[in-house]
Structures are given as C-alpha cells and as structure tokens.
Amino acid sequence: MANNLTGNPLVIDTAATITTYPTKVKFMRWTPTTTGDDLLVVDNAGNTIWTYKALAADANQGITFDLTLDGAVCNGIVVSTIDNGTLYIYL
C-alpha cells in the first residue's frame, strides 16, 4: 500500500514528508506488526513529535498506540522512520 495523503485520516506506511506547513493534529494511531518496529515522527525542525519501539507483547497482540494531540499545531509533519505497520494521522 502507498501513503494516502488525501483523506482524513492520512494513512502512512512508508517514511515521507507529510506536510511542510503548520498542521493541526487531533491524534495519531500506529499499528506495529513486528517486534522491534520503530516509529519516529518529527516536525520540520527535527523536533520529536512521537517516537516508539514495539515490544514483543505489542506486536504479537495486534495492539495499536494512540498519541492524542487535541488539535495541537505541529510545524510540519515528517515520518522519519516507520519500520512496519500503518500510521493514521487524524487532522
């Protein structure tokens, strides 16, 4: 599957620059698929918005992870690392 940046949520499965402008984000949801999967989301300046490494119990049980931002404005969104799984970004 390729990244889908046209809907809400945005659906991300590969590293990419998602926005380069200030963006309001309600929350993000990530579903890792393998133990040790890494996720790193940063802003345009390289500041970390969200980082996580899936543990064995996480991936094996199909657990999803949510980061609630309550409409916080991010200075751009860059998915720097996403080893596996899918990241949903709700605007």
N, C-alpha and C. Protein backbone atom coordinates (compact mmCIF):
# COMPACT_ATOMS: atom_id res chain seq x y z
N MET A 1 0.84 -1.18 0.00
CA MET A 1 0.00 0.00 0.00
C MET A 1 0.89 1.24 0.00
N ALA A 2 0.48 2.25 -0.69
CA ALA A 2 1.22 3.51 -0.72
C ALA A 2 0.59 4.48 0.27
N ASN A 3 1.35 5.49 0.67
CA ASN A 3 0.81 6.52 1.56
C ASN A 3 -0.40 7.18 0.90
N ASN A 4 -1.43 7.46 1.69
CA ASN A 4 -2.61 8.16 1.20
C ASN A 4 -2.72 9.47 1.97
N LEU A 5 -2.41 10.57 1.30
CA LEU A 5 -2.40 11.88 1.94
C LEU A 5 -3.61 12.72 1.55
N THR A 6 -4.64 12.08 1.00
CA THR A 6 -5.78 12.84 0.51
C THR A 6 -6.99 12.81 1.44
N GLY A 7 -7.04 11.89 2.39
CA GLY A 7 -8.21 11.78 3.25
C GLY A 7 -7.92 12.22 4.67
N ASN A 8 -8.88 11.97 5.52
CA ASN A 8 -8.71 12.19 6.95
C ASN A 8 -9.30 10.97 7.64
N PRO A 9 -8.47 10.07 8.11
CA PRO A 9 -7.06 10.29 8.45
C PRO A 9 -6.14 10.12 7.24
N LEU A 10 -4.95 10.69 7.38
CA LEU A 10 -3.86 10.40 6.46
C LEU A 10 -3.37 9.00 6.81
N VAL A 11 -3.05 8.20 5.81
CA VAL A 11 -2.63 6.82 6.05
C VAL A 11 -1.20 6.67 5.55
N ILE A 12 -0.30 6.34 6.48
CA ILE A 12 1.13 6.33 6.19
C ILE A 12 1.72 4.96 6.48
N ASP A 13 2.46 4.39 5.52
CA ASP A 13 3.16 3.14 5.79
C ASP A 13 4.62 3.17 5.33
N THR A 14 5.06 4.33 4.81
CA THR A 14 6.47 4.50 4.46
C THR A 14 6.93 5.88 4.91
N ALA A 15 8.21 6.01 5.19
CA ALA A 15 8.77 7.29 5.62
C ALA A 15 8.54 8.34 4.53
N ALA A 16 8.13 9.53 4.95
CA ALA A 16 7.85 10.60 3.99
C ALA A 16 7.64 11.91 4.71
N THR A 17 7.82 13.00 3.97
CA THR A 17 7.41 14.31 4.47
C THR A 17 5.92 14.43 4.19
N ILE A 18 5.15 14.63 5.25
CA ILE A 18 3.70 14.65 5.13
C ILE A 18 3.20 16.07 4.88
N THR A 19 3.64 17.03 5.69
CA THR A 19 3.33 18.44 5.46
C THR A 19 4.58 19.26 5.75
N THR A 20 4.65 20.42 5.12
CA THR A 20 5.76 21.33 5.36
C THR A 20 5.27 22.64 5.97
N TYR A 21 4.02 22.68 6.34
CA TYR A 21 3.39 23.89 6.88
C TYR A 21 2.75 23.55 8.23
N PRO A 22 2.43 24.55 9.05
CA PRO A 22 1.79 24.28 10.34
C PRO A 22 0.50 23.49 10.14
N THR A 23 0.36 22.41 10.91
CA THR A 23 -0.76 21.48 10.73
C THR A 23 -1.36 21.13 12.09
N LYS A 24 -2.69 21.29 12.22
CA LYS A 24 -3.39 20.89 13.44
C LYS A 24 -3.63 19.39 13.41
N VAL A 25 -3.24 18.72 14.48
CA VAL A 25 -3.39 17.27 14.56
C VAL A 25 -4.23 16.91 15.78
N LYS A 26 -5.29 16.14 15.58
CA LYS A 26 -6.11 15.67 16.71
C LYS A 26 -5.42 14.51 17.40
N PHE A 27 -5.10 13.47 16.64
CA PHE A 27 -4.31 12.39 17.22
C PHE A 27 -3.72 11.52 16.12
N MET A 28 -2.79 10.67 16.54
CA MET A 28 -2.14 9.72 15.64
C MET A 28 -2.35 8.32 16.21
N ARG A 29 -2.51 7.35 15.32
CA ARG A 29 -2.67 5.95 15.73
C ARG A 29 -1.69 5.12 14.90
N TRP A 30 -0.94 4.27 15.59
CA TRP A 30 0.04 3.41 14.91
C TRP A 30 -0.24 1.96 15.27
N THR A 31 -0.20 1.10 14.28
CA THR A 31 -0.38 -0.33 14.47
C THR A 31 0.89 -1.03 14.00
N PRO A 32 1.80 -1.36 14.91
CA PRO A 32 3.02 -2.08 14.52
C PRO A 32 2.69 -3.53 14.19
N THR A 33 3.54 -4.17 13.40
CA THR A 33 3.28 -5.56 13.01
C THR A 33 4.35 -6.53 13.47
N THR A 34 5.49 -6.03 13.90
CA THR A 34 6.61 -6.89 14.23
C THR A 34 7.32 -6.37 15.47
N THR A 35 7.78 -7.26 16.31
CA THR A 35 8.57 -6.88 17.47
C THR A 35 9.77 -6.05 17.03
N GLY A 36 10.00 -4.95 17.71
CA GLY A 36 11.14 -4.09 17.39
C GLY A 36 10.85 -3.02 16.36
N ASP A 37 9.62 -2.99 15.83
CA ASP A 37 9.26 -1.92 14.88
C ASP A 37 9.50 -0.57 15.52
N ASP A 38 10.06 0.34 14.74
CA ASP A 38 10.32 1.70 15.21
C ASP A 38 9.43 2.69 14.48
N LEU A 39 8.99 3.70 15.22
CA LEU A 39 8.25 4.82 14.65
C LEU A 39 8.89 6.10 15.15
N LEU A 40 9.17 7.02 14.24
CA LEU A 40 9.68 8.33 14.62
C LEU A 40 9.01 9.38 13.74
N VAL A 41 8.25 10.27 14.38
CA VAL A 41 7.59 11.36 13.69
C VAL A 41 8.18 12.65 14.24
N VAL A 42 8.64 13.51 13.35
CA VAL A 42 9.27 14.78 13.75
C VAL A 42 8.60 15.93 13.01
N ASP A 43 8.94 17.16 13.42
CA ASP A 43 8.47 18.33 12.69
C ASP A 43 9.56 18.76 11.71
N ASN A 44 9.33 19.87 11.01
CA ASN A 44 10.29 20.33 10.01
C ASN A 44 11.65 20.68 10.59
N ALA A 45 11.70 21.02 11.87
CA ALA A 45 12.96 21.37 12.53
C ALA A 45 13.65 20.15 13.14
N GLY A 46 13.05 18.97 13.00
CA GLY A 46 13.64 17.76 13.57
C GLY A 46 13.25 17.49 15.01
N ASN A 47 12.32 18.29 15.56
CA ASN A 47 11.84 18.07 16.93
C ASN A 47 10.92 16.85 16.95
N THR A 48 11.11 15.99 17.92
CA THR A 48 10.31 14.78 18.01
C THR A 48 8.87 15.09 18.39
N ILE A 49 7.94 14.58 17.60
CA ILE A 49 6.52 14.63 17.92
C ILE A 49 6.13 13.33 18.60
N TRP A 50 6.61 12.19 18.05
CA TRP A 50 6.27 10.88 18.61
C TRP A 50 7.34 9.88 18.22
N THR A 51 7.77 9.10 19.20
CA THR A 51 8.71 8.00 18.92
C THR A 51 8.28 6.79 19.74
N TYR A 52 8.42 5.60 19.15
CA TYR A 52 8.04 4.38 19.85
C TYR A 52 8.74 3.19 19.23
N LYS A 53 9.08 2.20 20.05
CA LYS A 53 9.62 0.92 19.59
C LYS A 53 8.67 -0.16 20.11
N ALA A 54 8.13 -0.96 19.19
CA ALA A 54 7.18 -2.00 19.58
C ALA A 54 7.89 -3.13 20.32
N LEU A 55 7.32 -3.51 21.43
CA LEU A 55 7.82 -4.64 22.21
C LEU A 55 7.18 -5.92 21.71
N ALA A 56 7.69 -7.05 22.13
CA ALA A 56 7.15 -8.34 21.68
C ALA A 56 5.67 -8.45 21.98
N ALA A 57 5.27 -8.07 23.17
CA ALA A 57 3.86 -8.18 23.56
C ALA A 57 2.97 -7.26 22.71
N ASP A 58 3.50 -6.11 22.29
CA ASP A 58 2.73 -5.16 21.49
C ASP A 58 2.38 -5.74 20.13
N ALA A 59 3.38 -6.13 19.39
CA ALA A 59 3.18 -6.59 18.01
C ALA A 59 2.43 -7.91 17.96
N ASN A 60 2.72 -8.80 18.87
CA ASN A 60 2.09 -10.12 18.84
C ASN A 60 0.61 -10.08 19.16
N GLN A 61 0.16 -9.07 19.85
CA GLN A 61 -1.25 -8.98 20.22
C GLN A 61 -2.03 -8.01 19.34
N GLY A 62 -1.39 -7.47 18.31
CA GLY A 62 -2.08 -6.55 17.42
C GLY A 62 -2.52 -5.26 18.10
N ILE A 63 -1.75 -4.80 19.06
CA ILE A 63 -2.10 -3.60 19.82
C ILE A 63 -1.85 -2.36 18.97
N THR A 64 -2.72 -1.37 19.11
CA THR A 64 -2.50 -0.08 18.46
C THR A 64 -2.12 0.93 19.53
N PHE A 65 -1.44 1.98 19.12
CA PHE A 65 -0.99 3.02 20.03
C PHE A 65 -1.52 4.35 19.56
N ASP A 66 -2.03 5.14 20.48
CA ASP A 66 -2.58 6.45 20.16
C ASP A 66 -1.77 7.54 20.83
N LEU A 67 -1.57 8.62 20.11
CA LEU A 67 -0.98 9.84 20.67
C LEU A 67 -2.01 10.94 20.46
N THR A 68 -2.60 11.43 21.54
CA THR A 68 -3.62 12.47 21.45
C THR A 68 -2.95 13.84 21.52
N LEU A 69 -3.20 14.66 20.50
CA LEU A 69 -2.61 15.99 20.44
C LEU A 69 -3.66 17.08 20.61
N ASP A 70 -4.93 16.72 20.61
CA ASP A 70 -6.03 17.66 20.85
C ASP A 70 -5.95 18.93 20.00
N GLY A 71 -5.63 18.80 18.74
CA GLY A 71 -5.60 19.95 17.85
C GLY A 71 -4.35 20.79 17.96
N ALA A 72 -3.30 20.23 18.55
CA ALA A 72 -2.03 20.97 18.64
C ALA A 72 -1.50 21.24 17.24
N VAL A 73 -0.85 22.37 17.08
CA VAL A 73 -0.28 22.72 15.78
C VAL A 73 1.16 22.22 15.71
N CYS A 74 1.41 21.36 14.75
CA CYS A 74 2.77 20.85 14.52
C CYS A 74 3.39 21.66 13.39
N ASN A 75 4.66 22.00 13.51
CA ASN A 75 5.37 22.76 12.50
C ASN A 75 5.80 21.82 11.38
N GLY A 76 4.83 21.31 10.64
CA GLY A 76 5.09 20.31 9.61
C GLY A 76 5.13 18.93 10.25
N ILE A 77 4.97 17.91 9.42
CA ILE A 77 4.99 16.52 9.89
C ILE A 77 5.86 15.71 8.96
N VAL A 78 6.87 15.06 9.53
CA VAL A 78 7.75 14.20 8.77
C VAL A 78 7.79 12.84 9.46
N VAL A 79 7.39 11.79 8.75
CA VAL A 79 7.53 10.44 9.29
C VAL A 79 8.93 10.01 8.89
N SER A 80 9.84 10.14 9.84
CA SER A 80 11.25 9.86 9.60
C SER A 80 11.54 8.37 9.53
N THR A 81 10.88 7.60 10.42
CA THR A 81 11.07 6.15 10.47
C THR A 81 9.74 5.48 10.73
N ILE A 82 9.42 4.48 9.93
CA ILE A 82 8.29 3.58 10.20
C ILE A 82 8.69 2.23 9.62
N ASP A 83 9.14 1.34 10.51
CA ASP A 83 9.66 0.05 10.04
C ASP A 83 8.57 -0.80 9.41
N ASN A 84 7.44 -0.91 10.06
CA ASN A 84 6.31 -1.71 9.60
C ASN A 84 5.04 -1.11 10.18
N GLY A 85 3.93 -1.66 9.78
CA GLY A 85 2.67 -1.20 10.31
C GLY A 85 2.14 0.01 9.57
N THR A 86 1.08 0.58 10.11
CA THR A 86 0.43 1.72 9.48
C THR A 86 0.22 2.81 10.52
N LEU A 87 0.50 4.05 10.12
CA LEU A 87 0.28 5.22 10.96
C LEU A 87 -0.90 5.99 10.38
N TYR A 88 -1.87 6.29 11.24
CA TYR A 88 -3.02 7.10 10.84
C TYR A 88 -2.89 8.44 11.54
N ILE A 89 -2.95 9.52 10.77
CA ILE A 89 -2.86 10.87 11.31
C ILE A 89 -4.21 11.55 11.09
N TYR A 90 -4.88 11.84 12.20
CA TYR A 90 -6.20 12.46 12.16
C TYR A 90 -6.03 13.98 12.31
N LEU A 91 -6.51 14.71 11.33
CA LEU A 91 -6.38 16.17 11.33
C LEU A 91 -7.64 16.82 11.86
